Amino acid sequence: MAEPNEPGASAPSPEPKTGIRASSQAPASTAVAAAPPPPKPAAPAKPVAKPAAQGVDRRSFLLTLLLAPVSSWFAVAWAAFTAAMVGMTLGTLRFMFPNVLSEPPTTIRAGHLSNYEENRVDDRLKDQGTWVIRGKDERGRDIIYALSTTCTHLGCTPNWLEAEKKFKCPCHGSGFKITGVNFEGPAPRPLERWAVRRTDEGEVIVDKSRKFQRELGQWDDPDSYILV
C-alpha cells in the first residue's frame, strides 16, 4: 500500500457527500414552500379636503347678491304672465256661457188712482227709482206722472222736502219743483219722467223702460202722464 506522502502516488478522491447535501436541501425547499404570503400594501390615505378659500366664498356671496334682484324680477314676470294667461282663459270660457243678468223689473204696479192726493209726493216707490205724483201741469190739467229719482247733475238721489215743497239733492244742492223742473243748484235740466198708463181697473203702471225729457218737448207725449 503506497503512502500518501510518497511522490507519484495519486491522491485519494474525496467521497461524495450526497447524503449530506440531500439532507440539507430538503428542509430548505420545505421552508420555502411553507412561508406565508407577503402582506397586502396599505391603501393610500385619502387626501384631506382643503378648506375653501375666503375669496371664493366672498365671490359666491357677491354673485348671489347681484343675481337676487334678477331672479326676483324673473319670478314676478312669470307670475304676471301666468295671471294674464289665466285671465285670458277665464275670459274665453266666460263667452261659452249665456249672459244672464238679474235686473229689477222695469214695470212697477203703483196702486190705484184714488190713492194719490193732489200736490202730494208718494215716497213708497223711491227705492225703486220713481216718485208717483198727482198735480197740475202747465195747462192746469189734473194729471198723474212718475218722476225719476236720479238727479240730472251727477246722478245722486234727491229728497222730497214736504215743508218746502221741493226736491233737494244732498250732494251739490240742486233743487227741483214738485213738477220736476230745476230751479236752483248746478242741475242743468229737469228730472226725467217715466212712462205711465192706467189699467181698466184704475191701477197706475209705471214703465221704466221709457223716459221723457222736458227740454226735448217730450212731456207733451200722452204716455208721459195720465189725465185724471
Protein backbone atom coordinates (compact mmCIF):
# COMPACT_ATOMS: atom_id res chain seq x y z
CA MET A 1 0.00 0.00 0.00
CA ALA A 2 1.51 3.31 -1.06
CA GLU A 3 1.99 6.00 1.47
CA PRO A 4 0.19 9.22 0.92
CA ASN A 5 3.36 11.23 1.10
CA GLU A 6 5.11 9.22 -1.46
CA PRO A 7 5.76 11.02 -4.64
CA GLY A 8 3.91 9.73 -7.63
CA ALA A 9 1.12 8.38 -5.60
CA SER A 10 -2.25 9.71 -6.58
CA ALA A 11 -4.34 11.42 -4.04
CA PRO A 12 -7.44 9.63 -2.94
CA SER A 13 -10.65 11.04 -4.46
CA PRO A 14 -12.93 12.59 -1.98
CA GLU A 15 -16.10 10.67 -1.17
CA PRO A 16 -19.27 12.23 -2.43
CA LYS A 17 -21.38 13.84 0.26
CA THR A 18 -24.63 13.04 -1.39
CA GLY A 19 -26.46 12.22 1.76
CA ILE A 20 -25.40 15.38 3.46
CA ARG A 21 -26.45 17.65 0.56
CA ALA A 22 -29.74 15.92 0.13
CA SER A 23 -30.48 16.17 3.78
CA SER A 24 -29.55 19.85 3.80
CA GLN A 25 -31.52 20.78 0.64
CA ALA A 26 -34.76 19.08 1.64
CA PRO A 27 -35.50 21.27 4.64
CA ALA A 28 -34.76 24.39 2.60
CA SER A 29 -37.36 23.58 -0.01
CA THR A 30 -39.85 22.73 2.66
CA ALA A 31 -39.20 26.04 4.38
CA VAL A 32 -39.71 27.95 1.16
CA ALA A 33 -43.00 26.21 0.48
CA ALA A 34 -44.35 26.90 3.95
CA ALA A 35 -43.51 30.60 4.00
CA PRO A 36 -46.69 32.87 4.45
CA PRO A 37 -47.68 35.25 1.61
CA PRO A 38 -46.39 38.77 1.90
CA PRO A 39 -48.87 41.29 3.45
CA LYS A 40 -51.00 43.47 1.10
CA PRO A 41 -49.82 47.01 0.76
CA ALA A 42 -51.84 49.51 2.79
CA ALA A 43 -54.45 51.62 0.90
CA PRO A 44 -53.27 55.11 0.20
CA ALA A 45 -54.68 57.69 2.58
CA LYS A 46 -57.44 59.94 1.22
CA PRO A 47 -56.32 63.47 0.66
CA VAL A 48 -57.72 65.85 3.21
CA ALA A 49 -60.03 68.42 1.57
CA LYS A 50 -58.64 71.83 1.80
CA PRO A 51 -60.98 74.48 3.20
CA ALA A 52 -62.41 76.79 0.59
CA ALA A 53 -60.58 79.96 0.20
CA GLN A 54 -62.16 83.05 1.69
CA GLY A 55 -62.07 84.80 -1.65
CA VAL A 56 -64.26 82.12 -3.26
CA ASP A 57 -66.91 82.43 -0.56
CA ARG A 58 -66.88 86.20 -0.97
CA ARG A 59 -67.32 85.93 -4.74
CA SER A 60 -70.18 83.49 -4.31
CA PHE A 61 -71.88 85.84 -1.88
CA LEU A 62 -71.48 88.84 -4.19
CA LEU A 63 -72.77 86.83 -7.16
CA THR A 64 -75.82 85.72 -5.19
CA LEU A 65 -76.41 89.29 -4.06
CA LEU A 66 -76.25 90.59 -7.63
CA LEU A 67 -78.47 87.86 -9.08
CA ALA A 68 -81.13 88.13 -6.37
CA PRO A 69 -82.94 91.13 -7.96
CA VAL A 70 -82.78 89.49 -11.37
CA SER A 71 -84.25 86.26 -10.07
CA SER A 72 -86.95 88.12 -8.15
CA TRP A 73 -87.93 90.16 -11.23
CA PHE A 74 -87.92 86.99 -13.24
CA ALA A 75 -90.29 85.40 -10.74
CA VAL A 76 -92.54 88.47 -10.82
CA ALA A 77 -92.58 88.41 -14.60
CA TRP A 78 -93.55 84.77 -14.65
CA ALA A 79 -96.26 85.37 -12.06
CA ALA A 80 -97.68 88.25 -14.11
CA PHE A 81 -97.56 86.18 -17.28
CA THR A 82 -99.32 83.29 -15.55
CA ALA A 83 -102.01 85.61 -14.16
CA ALA A 84 -102.57 87.13 -17.60
CA MET A 85 -102.92 83.72 -19.20
CA VAL A 86 -105.36 82.60 -16.51
CA GLY A 87 -107.40 85.78 -17.03
CA MET A 88 -107.50 85.25 -20.78
CA THR A 89 -108.55 81.65 -20.30
CA LEU A 90 -111.33 82.58 -17.89
CA GLY A 91 -112.46 85.37 -20.23
CA THR A 92 -112.63 82.91 -23.11
CA LEU A 93 -114.61 80.45 -21.03
CA ARG A 94 -116.97 83.24 -19.98
CA PHE A 95 -118.20 83.63 -23.56
CA MET A 96 -119.19 79.98 -23.62
CA PHE A 97 -121.99 80.57 -21.12
CA PRO A 98 -125.11 82.67 -21.62
CA ASN A 99 -125.07 86.16 -20.18
CA VAL A 100 -127.94 86.12 -17.69
CA LEU A 101 -128.43 89.27 -15.62
CA SER A 102 -130.69 89.62 -12.62
CA GLU A 103 -132.15 93.02 -13.33
CA PRO A 104 -135.08 94.57 -11.47
CA PRO A 105 -138.36 94.63 -13.38
CA THR A 106 -138.93 97.71 -15.50
CA THR A 107 -142.68 97.69 -14.86
CA ILE A 108 -143.99 98.81 -11.46
CA ARG A 109 -147.55 98.46 -10.21
CA ALA A 110 -148.05 101.76 -8.36
CA GLY A 111 -151.53 101.27 -6.91
CA HIS A 112 -154.97 102.68 -7.67
CA LEU A 113 -155.56 106.25 -8.86
CA SER A 114 -157.68 107.01 -5.81
CA ASN A 115 -154.64 106.50 -3.55
CA TYR A 116 -152.97 109.69 -4.78
CA GLU A 117 -153.74 113.10 -3.36
CA GLU A 118 -153.19 116.29 -5.29
CA ASN A 119 -149.83 118.02 -4.78
CA ARG A 120 -148.52 115.17 -2.63
CA VAL A 121 -145.38 113.16 -3.36
CA ASP A 122 -145.57 109.43 -2.70
CA ASP A 123 -142.22 108.09 -1.41
CA ARG A 124 -143.28 104.43 -1.31
CA LEU A 125 -141.57 103.66 -4.62
CA LYS A 126 -138.45 105.76 -4.08
CA ASP A 127 -136.27 102.67 -3.57
CA GLN A 128 -137.44 101.51 -7.00
CA GLY A 129 -136.32 104.76 -8.61
CA THR A 130 -139.58 106.64 -9.02
CA TRP A 131 -141.95 109.12 -7.41
CA VAL A 132 -145.61 108.95 -8.46
CA ILE A 133 -147.24 112.38 -8.14
CA ARG A 134 -150.68 113.86 -8.71
CA GLY A 135 -150.60 117.54 -9.64
CA LYS A 136 -151.33 120.21 -12.22
CA ASP A 137 -149.48 120.53 -15.49
CA GLU A 138 -148.62 123.80 -17.26
CA ARG A 139 -152.10 123.86 -18.77
CA GLY A 140 -153.77 123.45 -15.40
CA ARG A 141 -154.90 119.88 -16.04
CA ASP A 142 -155.11 117.30 -13.26
CA ILE A 143 -152.56 114.63 -14.12
CA ILE A 144 -150.58 111.78 -12.58
CA TYR A 145 -146.93 111.42 -13.61
CA ALA A 146 -143.87 109.49 -12.47
CA LEU A 147 -140.52 111.25 -11.92
CA SER A 148 -137.12 109.59 -11.90
CA THR A 149 -135.25 109.77 -8.60
CA THR A 150 -131.91 110.43 -10.34
CA CYS A 151 -130.53 113.97 -10.14
CA THR A 152 -129.63 115.32 -13.57
CA HIS A 153 -126.39 116.80 -12.23
CA LEU A 154 -124.24 113.85 -11.14
CA GLY A 155 -126.79 111.11 -10.52
CA CYS A 156 -127.41 111.43 -6.78
CA THR A 157 -130.85 110.79 -5.29
CA PRO A 158 -132.70 113.95 -4.14
CA ASN A 159 -135.01 114.03 -1.13
CA TRP A 160 -138.55 115.38 -1.06
CA LEU A 161 -138.90 118.20 1.46
CA GLU A 162 -142.62 118.42 2.23
CA ALA A 163 -142.36 121.69 4.19
CA GLU A 164 -140.58 123.43 1.31
CA LYS A 165 -142.44 121.60 -1.46
CA LYS A 166 -139.32 120.79 -3.39
CA PHE A 167 -136.83 118.05 -4.18
CA LYS A 168 -133.38 118.80 -2.78
CA CYS A 169 -130.23 116.95 -3.83
CA PRO A 170 -127.94 116.26 -0.82
CA CYS A 171 -124.78 116.06 -2.96
CA HIS A 172 -124.48 119.50 -4.55
CA GLY A 173 -127.66 121.34 -3.58
CA SER A 174 -129.68 121.12 -6.77
CA GLY A 175 -133.35 121.93 -6.27
CA PHE A 176 -136.43 120.82 -8.25
CA LYS A 177 -140.07 121.83 -8.01
CA ILE A 178 -142.82 119.26 -7.48
CA THR A 179 -143.20 119.15 -11.25
CA GLY A 180 -139.55 118.11 -11.57
CA VAL A 181 -138.39 121.40 -13.09
CA ASN A 182 -134.96 122.52 -11.83
CA PHE A 183 -134.70 126.00 -10.31
CA GLU A 184 -131.58 126.06 -8.11
CA GLY A 185 -128.16 124.50 -7.90
CA PRO A 186 -125.95 123.02 -10.63
CA ALA A 187 -128.51 120.64 -12.18
CA PRO A 188 -128.62 121.52 -15.90
CA ARG A 189 -132.13 120.26 -16.67
CA PRO A 190 -135.37 118.95 -15.07
CA LEU A 191 -135.87 115.48 -13.71
CA GLU A 192 -136.93 112.88 -16.24
CA ARG A 193 -140.37 111.27 -16.39
CA TRP A 194 -141.15 107.59 -16.78
CA ALA A 195 -143.94 106.31 -18.98
CA VAL A 196 -147.22 105.71 -17.13
CA ARG A 197 -150.56 104.17 -18.03
CA ARG A 198 -153.84 103.26 -16.36
CA THR A 199 -155.40 99.82 -16.44
CA ASP A 200 -159.13 99.18 -16.88
CA GLU A 201 -159.33 98.68 -13.12
CA GLY A 202 -157.84 102.14 -12.50
CA GLU A 203 -154.38 100.92 -11.43
CA VAL A 204 -151.31 103.02 -12.24
CA ILE A 205 -148.49 101.20 -14.08
CA VAL A 206 -145.04 102.79 -14.33
CA ASP A 207 -142.86 101.70 -17.24
CA LYS A 208 -139.18 102.47 -16.59
CA SER A 209 -138.10 101.22 -20.00
CA ARG A 210 -139.23 104.55 -21.47
CA LYS A 211 -138.32 108.04 -20.31
CA PHE A 212 -139.32 111.55 -21.33
CA GLN A 213 -137.27 114.78 -21.13
CA ARG A 214 -138.90 118.21 -20.84
CA GLU A 215 -136.13 120.06 -22.68
CA LEU A 216 -136.84 117.87 -25.70
CA GLY A 217 -140.56 118.61 -25.59
CA GLN A 218 -141.37 115.02 -24.58
CA TRP A 219 -143.55 115.93 -21.60
CA ASP A 220 -146.34 116.61 -24.07
CA ASP A 221 -146.37 112.94 -25.02
CA PRO A 222 -149.61 111.31 -23.73
CA ASP A 223 -147.58 108.34 -22.46
CA SER A 224 -145.70 110.62 -20.04
CA TYR A 225 -148.79 111.29 -17.88
CA ILE A 226 -152.25 110.06 -17.00
CA LEU A 227 -155.09 112.54 -17.37
CA VAL A 228 -157.37 112.24 -14.35
